Amino acid sequence: MPIAGYIDYKKREFCNDVKCPVQLELNSGEEGSEEYEKTRQICRNACKFTTWQFHNWLIEKGYLVVRPENPENK
């Protein structure tokens, strides 16, 4: 759910910004192809970057991680 005056993180924005070699390969591949899906498994199971790197990238780019005060009342 977007917050007024803010933008949401776009899928793979970090990967493209840091020029992840796996993401660059995905960008040049055909989405849905067997080779593409095989390469995607690297992202899912053996990402080349750490959560620490991703978290710090988010901070550097000014992103905020938020949730409702009462998650049950979305």
Protein backbone atom coordinates (compact mmCIF):
# COMPACT_ATOMS: atom_id res chain seq x y z
CA MET A 1 0.00 0.00 0.00
CA PRO A 2 1.68 3.22 -1.12
CA ILE A 3 2.05 6.11 1.32
CA ALA A 4 1.08 9.52 -0.06
CA GLY A 5 4.16 11.47 -1.12
CA TYR A 6 6.42 8.39 -1.23
CA ILE A 7 7.38 5.89 -3.91
CA ASP A 8 7.56 2.12 -3.46
CA TYR A 9 10.68 0.09 -4.05
CA LYS A 10 10.59 -1.36 -7.55
CA LYS A 11 11.35 -5.03 -8.09
CA ARG A 12 15.10 -5.63 -8.56
CA GLU A 13 15.94 -1.93 -8.23
CA PHE A 14 18.87 -2.76 -5.95
CA CYS A 15 20.12 -5.51 -8.26
CA ASN A 16 20.11 -3.21 -11.28
CA ASP A 17 21.66 -0.29 -9.39
CA VAL A 18 24.62 -2.33 -8.09
CA LYS A 19 24.95 -3.98 -11.50
CA CYS A 20 24.62 -7.50 -10.15
CA PRO A 21 26.11 -9.87 -12.76
CA VAL A 22 23.20 -12.27 -12.33
CA GLN A 23 20.69 -9.45 -12.85
CA LEU A 24 22.57 -8.26 -15.94
CA GLU A 25 22.27 -11.78 -17.33
CA LEU A 26 18.55 -11.82 -16.54
CA ASN A 27 18.11 -8.44 -18.23
CA SER A 28 19.56 -9.82 -21.44
CA GLY A 29 17.56 -13.06 -21.29
CA GLU A 30 14.06 -13.93 -22.36
CA GLU A 31 11.73 -13.91 -19.37
CA GLY A 32 10.10 -17.29 -18.87
CA SER A 33 12.66 -19.22 -20.91
CA GLU A 34 14.31 -22.28 -19.38
CA GLU A 35 17.70 -20.51 -19.19
CA TYR A 36 16.12 -17.42 -17.59
CA GLU A 37 14.41 -19.52 -14.92
CA LYS A 38 17.64 -21.40 -14.25
CA THR A 39 19.47 -18.09 -13.74
CA ARG A 40 16.67 -16.82 -11.47
CA GLN A 41 17.37 -19.72 -9.14
CA ILE A 42 20.76 -18.12 -8.40
CA CYS A 43 18.93 -15.06 -7.08
CA ARG A 44 16.59 -17.17 -5.00
CA ASN A 45 19.14 -19.57 -3.54
CA ALA A 46 22.59 -18.00 -3.77
CA CYS A 47 22.32 -14.22 -3.99
CA LYS A 48 25.70 -12.57 -4.54
CA PHE A 49 24.84 -9.79 -2.05
CA THR A 50 24.04 -9.79 1.66
CA THR A 51 21.01 -8.45 3.46
CA TRP A 52 23.42 -6.01 5.15
CA GLN A 53 24.40 -4.60 1.73
CA PHE A 54 20.75 -4.39 0.65
CA HIS A 55 19.69 -2.76 3.92
CA ASN A 56 22.45 -0.15 3.70
CA TRP A 57 21.63 0.52 0.05
CA LEU A 58 18.01 1.18 1.08
CA ILE A 59 19.17 3.66 3.73
CA GLU A 60 21.55 5.41 1.29
CA LYS A 61 18.72 5.79 -1.23
CA GLY A 62 16.36 7.19 1.43
CA TYR A 63 13.96 4.26 1.60
CA LEU A 64 11.94 3.62 4.74
CA VAL A 65 10.70 0.25 5.92
CA VAL A 66 7.31 0.70 7.53
CA ARG A 67 4.40 -1.38 8.78
CA PRO A 68 1.07 -0.54 10.37
CA GLU A 69 1.09 0.00 14.15
CA ASN A 70 -1.42 -2.81 14.46
CA PRO A 71 -0.70 -5.28 11.62
CA GLU A 72 -4.02 -7.02 12.27
CA ASN A 73 -5.89 -3.84 11.22
CA LYS A 74 -4.34 -3.44 7.78
